[in-house]
Amino acid sequence: MLKNSGSNAGKGPMPNVPSPASPNTPPAGQKRRSSKVFPPIESSQASSPSTLVPSPRAAPAIAPKPVPFSVPRTCSACGTYHQGPCTTPRPSEASSSQKPASALELYERHQANYQPQDRTQPFEIMHSVTDDNLKFSNKKATDAELLKVADKKFTLRHYTTSKDGPPPFNTISSNFELVYRKIKTLQRTQGSNTNQDDWVRLGNTAFTFFLLAIDGEVANRKFLAGATHYAEIDPDNQEQMTAAGLENAEFFASPDLLHTKDLSSAKAIKGPLKDLKALMLASSGLKPISLGRTPAQGLLKAIDDQFSGTLELKLPGSVIVAQWHRI
């Protein structure tokens, strides 16, 4: 029997303590039968989620932002209230390949969807009649050219005659609207400017007509001799443009097309009304070096001459008059 040694010396024999379990490790040099303790798991089992392990929590759905409320407006194409673009084809789209044989046919084709201040429909009516024979330019003056005439004001003016004070109406209406409101008929009468050519060849009857004014100067026209009042539209006056519903409107400029047989040969301009100055200046034919030296009347004549001396500016739809000015 061995004697006690170390810290237990002289204290009696050690108590019997069970030996710790030996690890299941094969002796050195003995080859292991298998490196796997458990049998292989089938791929189908490996891909199945365990019922004991909770699945990762799905992120909560983000609620869409509320759409701001807006007062619905009647669609000009179908005459009903709806959201998103209208899928109802307009008469001009459905029958654009067939030219109207008469003013009455053109009027009846478009009157059901007519809206006085629709800024798109007048161009659609014109397209249905002319098949886009008018070749519009959208060339604008450069910033350097505009700088040379920065002190000049470009506006549009509509003249009328009212002997007994300011005109009693506050809207400049197109021929289409005057017929729509039964103020005019489709038959040409003395003193009327309702012409069959305007309806069935030019298709511009849903536009209102203006003269270009530069610093208050307008080109000479015969009808101005009897005019007493004018309304003026200033594209730089954002408040006026918004009140008149013209903030996003386009205009087009051309000679008096009644005297033009081949529309494709006519000089024509089209673009946003807010770019009136840049578009008209580019059509003047003047060299940049001359722009700063040319007075308003000379600049106006140069532009008017480019349109055979009969320049007209047309706005789509009716226009609300903010103020009538006495001549």
Protein backbone atom coordinates (compact mmCIF):
# COMPACT_ATOMS: atom_id res chain seq x y z
CA MET A 1 0.00 0.00 0.00
CA LEU A 2 1.29 3.43 -0.93
CA LYS A 3 1.76 6.02 1.71
CA ASN A 4 0.00 9.35 1.60
CA SER A 5 2.10 12.12 0.32
CA GLY A 6 1.75 15.78 -0.29
CA SER A 7 -0.93 17.76 1.52
CA ASN A 8 -2.74 14.65 2.71
CA ALA A 9 0.31 13.23 4.50
CA GLY A 10 -0.58 12.03 7.98
CA LYS A 11 -4.29 12.38 7.49
CA GLY A 12 -5.22 8.87 6.66
CA PRO A 13 -5.99 7.10 3.44
CA MET A 14 -7.66 8.89 0.53
CA PRO A 15 -11.40 8.20 0.12
CA ASN A 16 -12.50 6.12 -2.82
CA VAL A 17 -13.60 8.51 -5.62
CA PRO A 18 -14.99 7.19 -8.90
CA SER A 19 -12.74 7.92 -11.85
CA PRO A 20 -14.03 10.42 -14.45
CA ALA A 21 -15.50 8.97 -17.61
CA SER A 22 -12.98 8.58 -20.38
CA PRO A 23 -13.75 10.40 -23.61
CA ASN A 24 -14.86 8.25 -26.49
CA THR A 25 -11.55 8.75 -28.22
CA PRO A 26 -9.87 5.82 -29.97
CA PRO A 27 -6.34 5.07 -28.98
CA ALA A 28 -3.59 6.66 -30.89
CA GLY A 29 -2.79 4.87 -34.09
CA GLN A 30 -6.22 3.23 -34.29
CA LYS A 31 -8.05 4.13 -37.48
CA ARG A 32 -11.52 5.70 -37.02
CA ARG A 33 -14.24 3.76 -38.78
CA SER A 34 -16.25 6.86 -39.64
CA SER A 35 -15.72 10.59 -39.28
CA LYS A 36 -19.48 11.12 -38.88
CA VAL A 37 -21.27 10.56 -35.64
CA PHE A 38 -24.80 10.84 -37.18
CA PRO A 39 -26.02 9.47 -40.46
CA PRO A 40 -26.21 11.95 -43.38
CA ILE A 41 -29.39 14.05 -43.64
CA GLU A 42 -31.31 13.97 -46.90
CA SER A 43 -31.34 17.20 -48.87
CA SER A 44 -35.11 17.37 -48.66
CA GLN A 45 -34.90 17.25 -44.86
CA ALA A 46 -32.14 19.85 -44.85
CA SER A 47 -34.25 22.27 -46.83
CA SER A 48 -37.31 21.83 -44.62
CA PRO A 49 -37.64 24.36 -41.81
CA SER A 50 -37.38 22.92 -38.31
CA THR A 51 -40.52 23.02 -36.23
CA LEU A 52 -38.43 23.71 -33.18
CA VAL A 53 -36.69 26.81 -34.53
CA PRO A 54 -38.94 29.82 -35.06
CA SER A 55 -38.89 31.35 -38.56
CA PRO A 56 -37.40 34.82 -38.91
CA ARG A 57 -40.05 37.47 -38.35
CA ALA A 58 -41.26 39.15 -41.56
CA ALA A 59 -40.85 42.92 -41.74
CA PRO A 60 -44.15 44.73 -41.25
CA ALA A 61 -45.66 46.14 -44.45
CA ILE A 62 -45.20 49.87 -44.93
CA ALA A 63 -48.48 51.62 -45.40
CA PRO A 64 -48.61 53.78 -48.57
CA LYS A 65 -48.53 57.52 -48.14
CA PRO A 66 -51.98 59.06 -48.22
CA VAL A 67 -52.86 60.74 -51.52
CA PRO A 68 -53.57 64.45 -51.00
CA PHE A 69 -57.20 65.31 -51.54
CA SER A 70 -58.08 67.29 -54.63
CA VAL A 71 -61.42 68.38 -56.01
CA PRO A 72 -62.24 66.14 -59.00
CA ARG A 73 -62.74 67.82 -62.34
CA THR A 74 -64.86 66.68 -65.22
CA CYS A 75 -62.76 64.98 -67.90
CA SER A 76 -62.94 66.96 -71.13
CA ALA A 77 -62.76 63.77 -73.19
CA CYS A 78 -65.57 61.67 -71.71
CA GLY A 79 -67.47 64.18 -69.54
CA THR A 80 -67.20 62.09 -66.34
CA TYR A 81 -65.15 62.12 -63.11
CA HIS A 82 -62.33 59.57 -62.92
CA GLN A 83 -58.73 59.17 -61.76
CA GLY A 84 -55.76 58.72 -64.07
CA PRO A 85 -55.61 59.35 -67.82
CA CYS A 86 -58.78 58.99 -69.84
CA THR A 87 -59.00 55.94 -72.07
CA THR A 88 -61.93 57.26 -74.09
CA PRO A 89 -60.71 58.32 -77.53
CA ARG A 90 -61.66 61.83 -78.52
CA PRO A 91 -63.58 62.28 -81.75
CA SER A 92 -60.55 63.96 -83.30
CA GLU A 93 -58.47 60.86 -82.55
CA ALA A 94 -61.08 58.42 -83.78
CA SER A 95 -61.76 60.23 -87.06
CA SER A 96 -58.62 62.28 -87.71
CA SER A 97 -58.12 60.53 -91.06
CA GLN A 98 -61.46 61.83 -92.36
CA LYS A 99 -61.56 65.52 -93.12
CA PRO A 100 -64.87 67.25 -92.37
CA ALA A 101 -66.86 68.18 -95.41
CA SER A 102 -68.47 71.21 -93.78
CA ALA A 103 -68.24 73.50 -90.79
CA LEU A 104 -71.34 71.84 -89.36
CA GLU A 105 -69.74 68.40 -89.58
CA LEU A 106 -66.58 69.62 -87.83
CA TYR A 107 -68.61 71.36 -85.14
CA GLU A 108 -70.79 68.31 -84.47
CA ARG A 109 -67.73 66.07 -84.32
CA HIS A 110 -66.15 68.04 -81.48
CA GLN A 111 -68.93 69.93 -79.68
CA ALA A 112 -69.82 67.06 -77.29
CA ASN A 113 -66.39 67.24 -75.62
CA TYR A 114 -65.83 70.97 -76.00
CA GLN A 115 -64.51 72.89 -72.99
CA PRO A 116 -63.91 76.67 -73.42
CA GLN A 117 -60.56 76.66 -71.59
CA ASP A 118 -59.24 73.34 -72.83
CA ARG A 119 -55.70 74.17 -73.99
CA THR A 120 -55.21 70.88 -75.87
CA GLN A 121 -58.40 70.27 -77.84
CA PRO A 122 -57.96 73.26 -80.22
CA PHE A 123 -54.66 71.77 -81.43
CA GLU A 124 -56.36 68.38 -81.87
CA ILE A 125 -59.13 69.96 -83.94
CA MET A 126 -56.55 71.71 -86.11
CA HIS A 127 -54.63 68.45 -86.55
CA SER A 128 -57.78 66.61 -87.66
CA VAL A 129 -58.30 69.19 -90.43
CA THR A 130 -54.76 69.97 -91.61
CA ASP A 131 -53.09 66.57 -91.12
CA ASP A 132 -50.15 68.46 -89.60
CA ASN A 133 -49.34 70.25 -92.86
CA LEU A 134 -48.22 73.28 -90.84
CA LYS A 135 -44.50 72.89 -90.12
CA PHE A 136 -43.87 74.50 -86.75
CA SER A 137 -40.49 75.82 -85.65
CA ASN A 138 -39.52 75.88 -81.98
CA LYS A 139 -36.18 77.66 -82.36
CA LYS A 140 -35.46 80.05 -79.48
CA ALA A 141 -33.05 82.97 -79.14
CA THR A 142 -29.89 82.34 -77.14
CA ASP A 143 -29.33 83.80 -73.69
CA ALA A 144 -26.80 86.23 -75.22
CA GLU A 145 -29.40 87.44 -77.74
CA LEU A 146 -32.07 87.80 -75.08
CA LEU A 147 -29.67 89.87 -72.99
CA LYS A 148 -29.43 92.44 -75.80
CA VAL A 149 -33.21 93.05 -75.65
CA ALA A 150 -33.66 92.58 -71.90
CA ASP A 151 -35.19 96.06 -71.64
CA LYS A 152 -37.95 95.32 -74.20
CA LYS A 153 -41.36 93.97 -73.17
CA PHE A 154 -43.09 91.36 -75.34
CA THR A 155 -46.85 90.97 -74.78
CA LEU A 156 -50.00 89.91 -76.63
CA ARG A 157 -52.89 92.28 -77.32
CA HIS A 158 -56.48 91.67 -78.36
CA TYR A 159 -58.36 94.71 -79.73
CA THR A 160 -62.10 95.30 -79.81
CA THR A 161 -64.63 98.09 -80.31
CA SER A 162 -66.97 99.36 -77.61
CA LYS A 163 -68.35 102.87 -78.10
CA ASP A 164 -70.22 103.05 -74.78
CA GLY A 165 -67.43 102.48 -72.30
CA PRO A 166 -65.50 99.29 -71.54
CA PRO A 167 -66.67 96.13 -73.29
CA PRO A 168 -69.48 94.42 -71.34
CA PHE A 169 -67.80 90.99 -71.57
CA ASN A 170 -64.70 89.77 -69.72
CA THR A 171 -63.80 86.77 -71.86
CA ILE A 172 -62.16 86.63 -75.27
CA SER A 173 -64.02 83.79 -76.98
CA SER A 174 -63.14 81.70 -80.00
CA ASN A 175 -65.47 81.27 -82.96
CA PHE A 176 -66.12 77.72 -81.80
CA GLU A 177 -67.33 78.95 -78.40
CA LEU A 178 -69.48 81.69 -79.92
CA VAL A 179 -71.26 79.07 -82.01
CA TYR A 180 -71.43 76.76 -78.98
CA ARG A 181 -73.12 79.54 -76.97
CA LYS A 182 -75.39 80.34 -79.93
CA ILE A 183 -74.05 83.89 -80.18
CA LYS A 184 -72.96 83.20 -83.76
CA THR A 185 -74.13 80.77 -86.41
CA LEU A 186 -72.12 78.68 -88.83
CA GLN A 187 -73.44 80.75 -91.70
CA ARG A 188 -71.27 83.70 -92.67
CA THR A 189 -73.10 87.00 -92.26
CA GLN A 190 -72.14 90.61 -92.87
CA GLY A 191 -69.59 91.72 -90.30
CA SER A 192 -68.90 88.14 -89.22
CA ASN A 193 -65.44 86.62 -89.39
CA THR A 194 -66.82 83.08 -89.31
CA ASN A 195 -65.44 81.61 -92.51
CA GLN A 196 -65.84 78.10 -93.94
CA ASP A 197 -62.10 78.06 -94.68
CA ASP A 198 -61.34 78.56 -90.99
CA TRP A 199 -63.42 75.49 -90.17
CA VAL A 200 -62.76 72.94 -92.91
CA ARG A 201 -59.30 73.89 -94.24
CA LEU A 202 -57.46 75.52 -91.34
CA GLY A 203 -59.24 74.11 -88.29
CA ASN A 204 -58.27 77.11 -86.15
CA THR A 205 -61.76 78.07 -84.98
CA ALA A 206 -61.14 77.03 -81.33
CA PHE A 207 -58.28 79.54 -81.00
CA THR A 208 -58.38 83.20 -79.97
CA PHE A 209 -56.37 85.73 -81.99
CA PHE A 210 -53.87 88.36 -80.83
CA LEU A 211 -51.27 90.83 -82.09
CA LEU A 212 -47.67 90.89 -80.92
CA ALA A 213 -46.81 94.04 -78.95
CA ILE A 214 -43.28 95.21 -78.13
CA ASP A 215 -43.07 98.01 -75.57
CA GLY A 216 -46.71 98.81 -76.35
CA GLU A 217 -46.17 99.06 -80.11
CA VAL A 218 -48.19 96.87 -82.49
CA ALA A 219 -47.97 96.41 -86.25
CA ASN A 220 -50.36 98.45 -88.37
CA ARG A 221 -53.62 96.68 -89.21
CA LYS A 222 -56.73 98.08 -90.90
CA PHE A 223 -59.13 96.90 -88.20
CA LEU A 224 -57.26 98.96 -85.59
CA ALA A 225 -58.75 102.14 -87.03
CA GLY A 226 -62.08 101.51 -85.29
CA ALA A 227 -60.77 99.79 -82.14
CA THR A 228 -61.44 101.47 -78.80
CA HIS A 229 -60.11 99.01 -76.18
CA TYR A 230 -57.53 96.27 -75.85
CA ALA A 231 -56.75 93.46 -73.42
CA GLU A 232 -53.11 92.61 -72.79
CA ILE A 233 -51.48 89.33 -71.76
CA ASP A 234 -48.04 89.51 -70.17
CA PRO A 235 -46.29 86.09 -70.17
CA ASP A 236 -43.90 87.39 -67.48
CA ASN A 237 -46.79 88.11 -65.10
CA GLN A 238 -47.21 84.75 -63.40
CA GLU A 239 -50.22 85.85 -61.38
CA GLN A 240 -52.09 86.94 -64.50
CA MET A 241 -51.11 83.79 -66.39
CA THR A 242 -52.39 81.57 -63.58
CA ALA A 243 -55.65 83.50 -63.24
CA ALA A 244 -56.25 83.15 -66.97
CA GLY A 245 -55.37 79.44 -66.96
CA LEU A 246 -52.44 80.05 -69.32
CA GLU A 247 -49.49 79.10 -67.10
CA ASN A 248 -48.84 75.92 -69.12
CA ALA A 249 -50.46 76.94 -72.41
CA GLU A 250 -48.79 76.85 -75.80
CA PHE A 251 -49.36 79.37 -78.59
CA PHE A 252 -48.74 79.31 -82.30
CA ALA A 253 -47.82 82.12 -84.64
CA SER A 254 -48.26 82.31 -88.39
CA PRO A 255 -49.33 84.68 -91.17
CA ASP A 256 -53.04 85.09 -91.89
CA LEU A 257 -53.49 81.58 -93.28
CA LEU A 258 -56.63 82.43 -95.23
CA HIS A 259 -54.28 83.80 -97.89
CA THR A 260 -51.97 80.75 -97.86
CA LYS A 261 -52.90 77.94 -100.27
CA ASP A 262 -50.04 75.59 -99.37
CA LEU A 263 -49.94 75.34 -95.58
CA SER A 264 -46.65 73.46 -95.61
CA SER A 265 -44.96 76.56 -97.07
CA ALA A 266 -46.21 78.93 -94.36
CA LYS A 267 -43.83 80.17 -91.68
CA ALA A 268 -45.17 78.96 -88.33
CA ILE A 269 -43.94 78.88 -84.73
CA LYS A 270 -45.25 76.89 -81.80
CA GLY A 271 -44.14 76.75 -78.18
CA PRO A 272 -44.89 77.61 -74.54
CA LEU A 273 -46.40 81.05 -74.04
CA LYS A 274 -43.80 81.73 -71.34
CA ASP A 275 -41.14 81.51 -74.11
CA LEU A 276 -42.89 84.09 -76.32
CA LYS A 277 -39.96 86.52 -76.36
CA ALA A 278 -37.31 83.89 -77.12
CA LEU A 279 -39.39 82.26 -79.88
CA MET A 280 -40.40 85.49 -81.63
CA LEU A 281 -36.95 87.02 -81.36
CA ALA A 282 -35.42 83.98 -83.06
CA SER A 283 -37.77 84.52 -86.02
CA SER A 284 -36.80 88.16 -86.58
CA GLY A 285 -34.01 87.42 -89.05
CA LEU A 286 -31.87 90.11 -87.38
CA LYS A 287 -28.22 89.47 -86.61
CA PRO A 288 -27.25 89.47 -82.93
CA ILE A 289 -25.16 92.62 -83.37
CA SER A 290 -28.28 94.51 -84.52
CA LEU A 291 -30.65 93.42 -81.77
CA GLY A 292 -29.47 95.87 -79.13
CA ARG A 293 -29.53 98.81 -81.57
CA THR A 294 -33.00 98.21 -83.02
CA PRO A 295 -35.90 100.13 -81.42
CA ALA A 296 -39.16 98.37 -80.57
CA GLN A 297 -40.94 99.51 -83.74
CA GLY A 298 -38.04 98.34 -85.94
CA LEU A 299 -37.86 94.98 -84.17
CA LEU A 300 -41.61 94.53 -84.51
CA LYS A 301 -41.47 95.30 -88.25
CA ALA A 302 -38.60 92.85 -88.76
CA ILE A 303 -40.61 90.06 -87.12
CA ASP A 304 -43.85 90.97 -88.92
CA ASP A 305 -42.08 91.00 -92.30
CA GLN A 306 -40.99 87.40 -91.72
CA PHE A 307 -44.71 86.50 -91.66
CA SER A 308 -45.62 88.39 -94.86
CA GLY A 309 -46.78 91.40 -92.86
CA THR A 310 -49.83 89.56 -91.47
CA LEU A 311 -48.48 88.04 -88.24
CA GLU A 312 -51.13 86.53 -85.96
CA LEU A 313 -50.63 84.92 -82.54
CA LYS A 314 -53.20 82.31 -81.54
CA LEU A 315 -53.98 80.96 -78.07
CA PRO A 316 -55.95 77.73 -77.62
CA GLY A 317 -59.35 78.21 -76.00
CA SER A 318 -61.00 81.21 -74.40
CA VAL A 319 -59.09 83.78 -72.35
CA ILE A 320 -60.32 85.62 -69.28
CA VAL A 321 -59.69 89.38 -69.44
CA ALA A 322 -58.16 90.90 -66.32
CA GLN A 323 -58.64 94.50 -67.50
CA TRP A 324 -59.74 96.39 -70.62
CA HIS A 325 -57.48 99.30 -71.54
CA ARG A 326 -58.73 102.37 -73.39
CA ILE A 327 -56.76 103.26 -76.53
